[in-house]
């Protein structure tokens, strides 16, 4: 598998896992406020990275205050935007250097491939936090591991054929 296909699959997994996490929060009898805030942060941070990559993005804070319904809307839009962006990836685009200023005001330059890896890892880190918060509240955390996404065939075409959203 080439590096472009690898990143397409990881971005697809990320969208699938974000959806599964949202579904779990929506279904929870007890929804930890902090878990909702962390999922909103995932959405806010992903929009910020898309903007840094030169993609059209709404003005969203890194830690936005969003309801579950608003997060639903953001995650749906993010999935569509990442899918479009993933279809535009080329080997040379992955090597492109992106200049940006981080949230601390520091200037940085990163390769697109490193940014894409960061987006997926950052979101995975925070989904783990959400799972912990759900478990602590007596709720069942969603099984949104990468290998589960692969085992279920969701990435057979590189991107989940259907991002099933329950409710919303």
N, C-alpha and C. Protein backbone atom coordinates (compact mmCIF):
# COMPACT_ATOMS: atom_id res chain seq x y z
N UNK A 1 0.84 -1.17 0.00
CA UNK A 1 0.00 0.00 0.00
C UNK A 1 0.89 1.24 0.00
N UNK A 2 0.57 2.17 -0.87
CA UNK A 2 1.37 3.39 -0.90
C UNK A 2 0.92 4.35 0.21
N UNK A 3 1.70 5.39 0.40
CA UNK A 3 1.46 6.31 1.51
C UNK A 3 0.14 7.09 1.33
N UNK A 4 -0.22 7.42 0.11
CA UNK A 4 -1.48 8.12 -0.12
C UNK A 4 -2.65 7.24 0.33
N UNK A 5 -2.65 5.99 -0.12
CA UNK A 5 -3.73 5.06 0.27
C UNK A 5 -3.76 4.87 1.78
N UNK A 6 -2.60 4.82 2.40
CA UNK A 6 -2.52 4.67 3.85
C UNK A 6 -3.22 5.85 4.55
N UNK A 7 -2.92 7.06 4.13
CA UNK A 7 -3.54 8.23 4.76
C UNK A 7 -5.04 8.30 4.49
N UNK A 8 -5.46 7.90 3.29
CA UNK A 8 -6.89 7.88 2.98
C UNK A 8 -7.60 6.92 3.94
N UNK A 9 -7.02 5.75 4.15
CA UNK A 9 -7.62 4.77 5.08
C UNK A 9 -7.66 5.32 6.50
N UNK A 10 -6.59 5.95 6.95
CA UNK A 10 -6.57 6.48 8.31
C UNK A 10 -7.58 7.61 8.50
N UNK A 11 -7.72 8.47 7.51
CA UNK A 11 -8.72 9.53 7.60
C UNK A 11 -10.14 8.94 7.60
N UNK A 12 -10.33 7.89 6.81
CA UNK A 12 -11.62 7.20 6.82
C UNK A 12 -11.91 6.58 8.16
N UNK A 13 -10.90 5.92 8.73
CA UNK A 13 -11.05 5.36 10.08
C UNK A 13 -11.42 6.45 11.07
N UNK A 14 -10.74 7.58 10.99
CA UNK A 14 -10.97 8.67 11.92
C UNK A 14 -12.42 9.14 11.86
N UNK A 15 -12.95 9.29 10.67
CA UNK A 15 -14.35 9.71 10.52
C UNK A 15 -15.29 8.65 11.10
N UNK A 16 -14.99 7.38 10.82
CA UNK A 16 -15.80 6.28 11.35
C UNK A 16 -15.78 6.26 12.87
N UNK A 17 -14.61 6.43 13.46
CA UNK A 17 -14.47 6.39 14.92
C UNK A 17 -15.12 7.60 15.57
N UNK A 18 -15.01 8.77 14.95
CA UNK A 18 -15.70 9.95 15.48
C UNK A 18 -17.20 9.71 15.50
N UNK A 19 -17.71 9.12 14.42
CA UNK A 19 -19.13 8.82 14.34
C UNK A 19 -19.55 7.84 15.43
N UNK A 20 -18.77 6.79 15.63
CA UNK A 20 -19.08 5.81 16.66
C UNK A 20 -19.06 6.40 18.05
N UNK A 21 -18.15 7.31 18.28
CA UNK A 21 -18.07 7.98 19.57
C UNK A 21 -19.29 8.87 19.79
N UNK A 22 -19.67 9.62 18.77
CA UNK A 22 -20.86 10.46 18.86
C UNK A 22 -22.10 9.60 19.14
N UNK A 23 -22.22 8.49 18.41
CA UNK A 23 -23.36 7.59 18.62
C UNK A 23 -23.42 7.12 20.07
N UNK A 24 -22.27 6.79 20.65
CA UNK A 24 -22.23 6.31 22.04
C UNK A 24 -22.66 7.41 23.01
N UNK A 25 -22.20 8.63 22.78
CA UNK A 25 -22.60 9.73 23.66
C UNK A 25 -24.09 10.00 23.54
N UNK A 26 -24.60 9.95 22.35
CA UNK A 26 -26.03 10.19 22.14
C UNK A 26 -26.88 9.11 22.82
N UNK A 27 -26.40 7.88 22.79
CA UNK A 27 -27.16 6.76 23.35
C UNK A 27 -27.01 6.64 24.87
N UNK A 28 -26.03 7.30 25.44
CA UNK A 28 -25.77 7.16 26.88
C UNK A 28 -26.94 7.68 27.71
N UNK A 29 -27.23 6.95 28.78
CA UNK A 29 -28.24 7.41 29.74
C UNK A 29 -27.69 8.58 30.52
N UNK A 30 -26.39 8.50 30.83
CA UNK A 30 -25.68 9.56 31.52
C UNK A 30 -24.57 10.04 30.58
N UNK A 31 -24.68 11.26 30.14
CA UNK A 31 -23.70 11.79 29.19
C UNK A 31 -22.77 12.75 29.94
N UNK A 32 -21.52 12.32 30.17
CA UNK A 32 -20.59 13.20 30.89
C UNK A 32 -20.35 14.51 30.12
N UNK A 33 -20.55 15.61 30.79
CA UNK A 33 -20.36 16.93 30.18
C UNK A 33 -18.97 17.06 29.59
N UNK A 34 -17.98 16.57 30.31
CA UNK A 34 -16.59 16.67 29.84
C UNK A 34 -16.41 15.87 28.55
N UNK A 35 -17.07 14.73 28.41
CA UNK A 35 -16.96 13.92 27.20
C UNK A 35 -17.50 14.68 25.99
N UNK A 36 -18.60 15.39 26.18
CA UNK A 36 -19.16 16.20 25.09
C UNK A 36 -18.16 17.31 24.72
N UNK A 37 -17.56 17.93 25.73
CA UNK A 37 -16.58 18.99 25.48
C UNK A 37 -15.37 18.46 24.71
N UNK A 38 -14.93 17.26 25.04
CA UNK A 38 -13.76 16.67 24.36
C UNK A 38 -14.11 16.33 22.91
N UNK A 39 -15.31 15.81 22.67
CA UNK A 39 -15.69 15.52 21.29
C UNK A 39 -15.83 16.81 20.49
N UNK A 40 -16.33 17.86 21.11
CA UNK A 40 -16.38 19.17 20.44
C UNK A 40 -14.97 19.64 20.10
N UNK A 41 -14.03 19.39 21.01
CA UNK A 41 -12.63 19.75 20.76
C UNK A 41 -12.07 18.99 19.56
N UNK A 42 -12.39 17.71 19.45
CA UNK A 42 -11.94 16.94 18.28
C UNK A 42 -12.41 17.64 17.01
N UNK A 43 -13.68 18.02 16.98
CA UNK A 43 -14.22 18.70 15.80
C UNK A 43 -13.52 20.03 15.56
N UNK A 44 -13.37 20.83 16.61
CA UNK A 44 -12.72 22.13 16.47
C UNK A 44 -11.29 22.01 15.97
N UNK A 45 -10.54 21.07 16.54
CA UNK A 45 -9.14 20.89 16.12
C UNK A 45 -9.05 20.39 14.69
N UNK A 46 -9.95 19.49 14.28
CA UNK A 46 -9.91 19.01 12.90
C UNK A 46 -10.21 20.13 11.91
N UNK A 47 -11.16 21.01 12.24
CA UNK A 47 -11.43 22.16 11.36
C UNK A 47 -10.19 23.05 11.28
N UNK A 48 -9.53 23.27 12.39
CA UNK A 48 -8.33 24.10 12.39
C UNK A 48 -7.25 23.52 11.48
N UNK A 49 -7.04 22.21 11.56
CA UNK A 49 -6.03 21.59 10.70
C UNK A 49 -6.43 21.65 9.23
N UNK A 50 -7.71 21.49 8.93
CA UNK A 50 -8.15 21.64 7.54
C UNK A 50 -7.87 23.05 7.03
N UNK A 51 -8.13 24.04 7.88
CA UNK A 51 -7.84 25.42 7.50
C UNK A 51 -6.35 25.61 7.24
N UNK A 52 -5.52 25.06 8.09
CA UNK A 52 -4.06 25.17 7.91
C UNK A 52 -3.61 24.49 6.63
N UNK A 53 -4.34 23.45 6.22
CA UNK A 53 -4.02 22.76 4.96
C UNK A 53 -4.56 23.50 3.74
N UNK A 54 -5.24 24.61 3.98
CA UNK A 54 -5.75 25.41 2.87
C UNK A 54 -7.14 25.04 2.41
N UNK A 55 -7.85 24.26 3.21
CA UNK A 55 -9.21 23.85 2.87
C UNK A 55 -10.21 24.83 3.48
N UNK A 56 -11.34 24.96 2.85
CA UNK A 56 -12.40 25.83 3.35
C UNK A 56 -12.93 25.27 4.65
N UNK A 57 -12.92 26.09 5.70
CA UNK A 57 -13.34 25.65 7.02
C UNK A 57 -14.12 26.76 7.70
N UNK A 58 -15.12 26.39 8.48
CA UNK A 58 -15.83 27.42 9.24
C UNK A 58 -14.94 27.93 10.37
N UNK A 59 -15.24 29.10 10.85
CA UNK A 59 -14.49 29.66 11.99
C UNK A 59 -14.98 28.97 13.26
N UNK A 60 -14.21 28.00 13.74
CA UNK A 60 -14.56 27.25 14.94
C UNK A 60 -13.38 27.34 15.91
N UNK A 61 -13.69 27.52 17.18
CA UNK A 61 -12.63 27.54 18.19
C UNK A 61 -12.04 26.15 18.36
N UNK A 62 -10.84 26.09 18.92
CA UNK A 62 -10.20 24.80 19.19
C UNK A 62 -10.96 24.05 20.27
N UNK A 63 -11.52 24.75 21.21
CA UNK A 63 -12.35 24.17 22.25
C UNK A 63 -13.73 24.83 22.19
N UNK A 64 -14.50 24.52 21.15
CA UNK A 64 -15.82 25.16 21.02
C UNK A 64 -16.81 24.59 22.03
N UNK A 65 -17.77 25.39 22.40
CA UNK A 65 -18.85 24.92 23.28
C UNK A 65 -20.01 24.53 22.37
N UNK A 66 -20.19 23.21 22.18
CA UNK A 66 -21.20 22.70 21.27
C UNK A 66 -22.09 21.69 21.97
N UNK A 67 -23.33 21.64 21.56
CA UNK A 67 -24.25 20.59 22.02
C UNK A 67 -23.98 19.33 21.20
N UNK A 68 -24.55 18.22 21.63
CA UNK A 68 -24.42 16.99 20.84
C UNK A 68 -24.99 17.17 19.44
N UNK A 69 -26.10 17.88 19.33
CA UNK A 69 -26.69 18.12 18.01
C UNK A 69 -25.75 18.95 17.13
N UNK A 70 -25.10 19.93 17.71
CA UNK A 70 -24.15 20.75 16.95
C UNK A 70 -22.91 19.93 16.58
N UNK A 71 -22.46 19.08 17.49
CA UNK A 71 -21.31 18.21 17.19
C UNK A 71 -21.67 17.27 16.04
N UNK A 72 -22.88 16.75 16.05
CA UNK A 72 -23.36 15.89 14.96
C UNK A 72 -23.18 16.60 13.63
N UNK A 73 -23.65 17.82 13.56
CA UNK A 73 -23.54 18.60 12.32
C UNK A 73 -22.07 18.80 11.92
N UNK A 74 -21.24 19.14 12.89
CA UNK A 74 -19.82 19.38 12.60
C UNK A 74 -19.12 18.10 12.13
N UNK A 75 -19.39 16.98 12.80
CA UNK A 75 -18.73 15.73 12.42
C UNK A 75 -19.18 15.25 11.05
N UNK A 76 -20.44 15.44 10.72
CA UNK A 76 -20.91 15.09 9.38
C UNK A 76 -20.19 15.93 8.32
N UNK A 77 -20.11 17.22 8.57
CA UNK A 77 -19.45 18.11 7.62
C UNK A 77 -17.94 17.82 7.54
N UNK A 78 -17.35 17.54 8.68
CA UNK A 78 -15.92 17.17 8.69
C UNK A 78 -15.67 15.91 7.89
N UNK A 79 -16.51 14.89 8.08
CA UNK A 79 -16.32 13.64 7.34
C UNK A 79 -16.37 13.90 5.84
N UNK A 80 -17.32 14.69 5.40
CA UNK A 80 -17.43 15.00 3.97
C UNK A 80 -16.22 15.80 3.49
N UNK A 81 -15.77 16.75 4.29
CA UNK A 81 -14.62 17.57 3.90
C UNK A 81 -13.34 16.75 3.86
N UNK A 82 -13.12 15.91 4.88
CA UNK A 82 -11.94 15.04 4.88
C UNK A 82 -11.99 14.07 3.71
N UNK A 83 -13.18 13.56 3.39
CA UNK A 83 -13.29 12.63 2.27
C UNK A 83 -12.88 13.32 0.98
N UNK A 84 -13.37 14.51 0.75
CA UNK A 84 -12.99 15.27 -0.45
C UNK A 84 -11.50 15.54 -0.46
N UNK A 85 -10.98 15.98 0.69
CA UNK A 85 -9.54 16.26 0.78
C UNK A 85 -8.71 15.01 0.54
N UNK A 86 -9.18 13.88 1.02
CA UNK A 86 -8.42 12.64 0.85
C UNK A 86 -8.36 12.22 -0.61
N UNK A 87 -9.39 12.55 -1.36
CA UNK A 87 -9.41 12.20 -2.79
C UNK A 87 -8.46 13.07 -3.60
N UNK A 88 -8.05 14.19 -3.03
CA UNK A 88 -7.13 15.11 -3.70
C UNK A 88 -5.66 14.84 -3.34
N UNK A 89 -5.42 13.88 -2.47
CA UNK A 89 -4.05 13.62 -2.02
C UNK A 89 -3.21 13.00 -3.14
N UNK A 90 -1.98 13.44 -3.21
CA UNK A 90 -0.98 12.86 -4.11
C UNK A 90 0.31 12.70 -3.31
N UNK A 91 1.23 11.95 -3.85
CA UNK A 91 2.52 11.77 -3.17
C UNK A 91 3.22 13.11 -2.97
N UNK A 92 3.17 13.97 -3.97
CA UNK A 92 3.84 15.28 -3.83
C UNK A 92 3.10 16.17 -2.81
N UNK A 93 1.77 16.06 -2.75
CA UNK A 93 1.00 16.84 -1.76
C UNK A 93 1.38 16.41 -0.35
N UNK A 94 1.61 15.13 -0.14
CA UNK A 94 1.99 14.65 1.19
C UNK A 94 3.31 15.24 1.65
N UNK A 95 4.18 15.59 0.71
CA UNK A 95 5.49 16.16 1.05
C UNK A 95 5.47 17.68 1.19
N UNK A 96 4.37 18.30 0.77
CA UNK A 96 4.27 19.76 0.82
C UNK A 96 4.45 20.26 2.26
N UNK A 97 5.19 21.34 2.39
CA UNK A 97 5.42 21.98 3.68
C UNK A 97 4.34 23.03 3.93
N UNK A 98 3.78 23.00 5.11
CA UNK A 98 2.72 23.92 5.48
C UNK A 98 3.22 24.81 6.62
N UNK A 99 3.17 26.11 6.41
CA UNK A 99 3.54 27.06 7.46
C UNK A 99 2.27 27.50 8.19
N UNK A 100 2.33 27.54 9.51
CA UNK A 100 1.17 27.92 10.32
C UNK A 100 1.64 28.41 11.68
N UNK A 101 0.74 28.99 12.40
CA UNK A 101 1.00 29.43 13.76
C UNK A 101 0.11 28.59 14.67
N UNK A 102 0.71 27.97 15.70
CA UNK A 102 -0.09 27.12 16.59
C UNK A 102 -0.90 27.97 17.57
N UNK A 103 -1.66 27.31 18.42
CA UNK A 103 -2.54 28.02 19.34
C UNK A 103 -1.78 28.81 20.41
N UNK A 104 -0.48 28.55 20.54
CA UNK A 104 0.35 29.31 21.48
C UNK A 104 0.99 30.51 20.81
N UNK A 105 0.72 30.69 19.51
CA UNK A 105 1.29 31.81 18.78
C UNK A 105 2.67 31.53 18.19
N UNK A 106 3.09 30.27 18.23
CA UNK A 106 4.41 29.89 17.72
C UNK A 106 4.33 29.52 16.24
N UNK A 107 5.28 30.03 15.44
CA UNK A 107 5.29 29.66 14.03
C UNK A 107 5.92 28.28 13.82
N UNK A 108 5.32 27.46 12.95
CA UNK A 108 5.81 26.13 12.67
C UNK A 108 5.67 25.82 11.19
N UNK A 109 6.41 24.82 10.74
CA UNK A 109 6.30 24.30 9.39
C UNK A 109 6.26 22.78 9.52
N UNK A 110 5.24 22.15 8.90
CA UNK A 110 5.09 20.70 8.96
C UNK A 110 4.70 20.16 7.60
N UNK A 111 5.10 18.91 7.33
CA UNK A 111 4.69 18.25 6.10
C UNK A 111 3.22 17.85 6.21
N UNK A 112 2.52 17.85 5.09
CA UNK A 112 1.13 17.43 5.06
C UNK A 112 0.98 16.03 5.65
N UNK A 113 1.88 15.11 5.30
CA UNK A 113 1.76 13.74 5.82
C UNK A 113 1.85 13.71 7.34
N UNK A 114 2.68 14.55 7.92
CA UNK A 114 2.78 14.60 9.38
C UNK A 114 1.53 15.20 10.01
N UNK A 115 0.96 16.20 9.35
CA UNK A 115 -0.28 16.80 9.84
C UNK A 115 -1.40 15.77 9.82
N UNK A 116 -1.52 15.01 8.74
CA UNK A 116 -2.58 14.00 8.65
C UNK A 116 -2.42 12.93 9.72
N UNK A 117 -1.18 12.51 9.96
CA UNK A 117 -0.94 11.53 11.03
C UNK A 117 -1.33 12.12 12.38
N UNK A 118 -0.98 13.38 12.58
CA UNK A 118 -1.32 14.04 13.84
C UNK A 118 -2.84 14.11 14.05
N UNK A 119 -3.57 14.47 13.01
CA UNK A 119 -5.03 14.59 13.13
C UNK A 119 -5.62 13.28 13.63
N UNK A 120 -5.23 12.18 13.02
CA UNK A 120 -5.78 10.88 13.40
C UNK A 120 -5.34 10.49 14.81
N UNK A 121 -4.08 10.70 15.13
CA UNK A 121 -3.59 10.33 16.47
C UNK A 121 -4.18 11.22 17.55
N UNK A 122 -4.30 12.51 17.28
CA UNK A 122 -4.87 13.45 18.24
C UNK A 122 -6.32 13.06 18.55
N UNK A 123 -7.08 12.79 17.50
CA UNK A 123 -8.48 12.41 17.71
C UNK A 123 -8.59 11.08 18.44
N UNK A 124 -7.72 10.13 18.12
CA UNK A 124 -7.72 8.84 18.82
C UNK A 124 -7.43 9.02 20.31
N UNK A 125 -6.47 9.86 20.61
CA UNK A 125 -6.12 10.15 22.00
C UNK A 125 -7.35 10.66 22.75
N UNK A 126 -8.04 11.62 22.17
CA UNK A 126 -9.19 12.19 22.85
C UNK A 126 -10.39 11.25 22.88
N UNK A 127 -10.54 10.40 21.85
CA UNK A 127 -11.61 9.40 21.92
C UNK A 127 -11.35 8.44 23.08
N UNK A 128 -10.09 8.13 23.36
CA UNK A 128 -9.76 7.31 24.52
C UNK A 128 -10.18 7.98 25.81
N UNK A 129 -9.99 9.29 25.89
CA UNK A 129 -10.44 10.02 27.07
C UNK A 129 -11.95 9.94 27.21
N UNK A 130 -12.65 10.09 26.10
CA UNK A 130 -14.12 10.01 26.12
C UNK A 130 -14.56 8.62 26.59
N UNK A 131 -13.90 7.58 26.08
CA UNK A 131 -14.25 6.22 26.51
C UNK A 131 -14.06 6.06 28.01
N UNK A 132 -12.99 6.61 28.53
CA UNK A 132 -12.74 6.55 29.98
C UNK A 132 -13.86 7.27 30.74
N UNK A 133 -14.25 8.44 30.28
CA UNK A 133 -15.31 9.20 30.94
C UNK A 133 -16.65 8.45 30.88
N UNK A 134 -16.93 7.82 29.75
CA UNK A 134 -18.16 7.03 29.64
C UNK A 134 -18.15 5.86 30.62
N UNK A 135 -17.03 5.14 30.67
CA UNK A 135 -16.93 4.00 31.58
C UNK A 135 -17.07 4.44 33.03
N UNK A 136 -16.47 5.56 33.38
CA UNK A 136 -16.55 6.07 34.75
C UNK A 136 -17.98 6.46 35.11
N UNK A 137 -18.79 6.79 34.10
CA UNK A 137 -20.19 7.16 34.34
C UNK A 137 -21.11 5.93 34.29
N UNK A 138 -20.51 4.73 34.15
CA UNK A 138 -21.30 3.51 34.12
C UNK A 138 -21.86 3.18 32.75
N UNK A 139 -21.37 3.84 31.72
CA UNK A 139 -21.83 3.61 30.34
C UNK A 139 -20.84 2.71 29.61
N UNK A 140 -21.31 2.07 28.56
CA UNK A 140 -20.44 1.21 27.76
C UNK A 140 -19.74 2.05 26.70
N UNK A 141 -18.40 2.11 26.73
CA UNK A 141 -17.68 2.86 25.72
C UNK A 141 -17.80 2.18 24.34
N UNK A 142 -17.76 2.96 23.29
CA UNK A 142 -17.85 2.35 21.97
C UNK A 142 -16.55 1.65 21.60
N UNK A 143 -16.65 0.60 20.81
CA UNK A 143 -15.47 -0.11 20.33
C UNK A 143 -15.09 0.52 18.99
N UNK A 144 -14.24 1.52 19.04
CA UNK A 144 -13.87 2.26 17.85
C UNK A 144 -12.37 2.13 17.54
N UNK A 145 -11.83 0.95 17.82
CA UNK A 145 -10.43 0.69 17.50
C UNK A 145 -10.25 0.55 15.99
N UNK A 146 -9.08 0.92 15.53
CA UNK A 146 -8.76 0.82 14.10
C UNK A 146 -8.99 -0.59 13.57
N UNK A 147 -8.52 -1.58 14.31
CA UNK A 147 -8.62 -2.95 13.82
C UNK A 147 -10.08 -3.38 13.68
N UNK A 148 -10.96 -2.88 14.53
CA UNK A 148 -12.39 -3.18 14.41
C UNK A 148 -12.95 -2.60 13.11
N UNK A 149 -12.54 -1.40 12.79
CA UNK A 149 -12.97 -0.76 11.55
C UNK A 149 -12.52 -1.60 10.35
N UNK A 150 -11.29 -2.09 10.39
CA UNK A 150 -10.75 -2.92 9.31
C UNK A 150 -11.46 -4.27 9.26
N UNK A 151 -11.59 -4.92 10.41
CA UNK A 151 -12.23 -6.25 10.47
C UNK A 151 -13.65 -6.23 9.89
N UNK A 152 -14.35 -5.15 10.12
CA UNK A 152 -15.73 -5.03 9.64
C UNK A 152 -15.81 -4.61 8.18
N UNK A 153 -14.65 -4.43 7.55
CA UNK A 153 -14.62 -4.11 6.12
C UNK A 153 -14.95 -2.67 5.77
N UNK A 154 -14.96 -1.80 6.77
CA UNK A 154 -15.33 -0.41 6.51
C UNK A 154 -14.31 0.33 5.65
N UNK A 155 -13.09 -0.16 5.58
CA UNK A 155 -12.06 0.53 4.82
C UNK A 155 -11.65 -0.21 3.55
N UNK A 156 -12.46 -1.16 3.13
CA UNK A 156 -12.11 -1.97 1.95
C UNK A 156 -11.87 -1.11 0.71
N UNK A 157 -12.55 0.01 0.62
CA UNK A 157 -12.37 0.91 -0.52
C UNK A 157 -11.51 2.12 -0.14
N UNK A 158 -10.89 2.09 1.03
CA UNK A 158 -10.04 3.19 1.48
C UNK A 158 -10.78 4.19 2.35
N UNK A 159 -12.08 4.28 2.19
CA UNK A 159 -12.90 5.21 2.96
C UNK A 159 -14.20 4.48 3.28
N UNK A 160 -14.74 4.64 4.47
CA UNK A 160 -15.99 3.93 4.79
C UNK A 160 -17.06 4.22 3.74
N UNK A 161 -17.62 3.16 3.19
CA UNK A 161 -18.64 3.32 2.15
C UNK A 161 -19.84 4.08 2.69
N UNK A 162 -20.14 3.85 3.95
CA UNK A 162 -21.29 4.52 4.56
C UNK A 162 -20.96 4.83 6.00
N UNK A 163 -21.08 6.07 6.35
CA UNK A 163 -20.89 6.46 7.74
C UNK A 163 -22.26 6.51 8.39
N UNK A 164 -22.62 5.40 9.00
CA UNK A 164 -23.96 5.28 9.59
C UNK A 164 -24.05 6.14 10.85
N UNK A 165 -25.03 7.00 10.87
CA UNK A 165 -25.28 7.84 12.02
C UNK A 165 -26.62 7.45 12.58
N UNK A 166 -26.66 7.06 13.83
CA UNK A 166 -27.95 6.72 14.43
C UNK A 166 -28.52 7.99 15.03
N UNK A 167 -29.69 8.34 14.59
CA UNK A 167 -30.35 9.52 15.12
C UNK A 167 -29.73 10.81 14.65
N UNK A 168 -30.09 11.88 15.32
CA UNK A 168 -29.55 13.20 15.00
C UNK A 168 -30.22 13.76 13.83
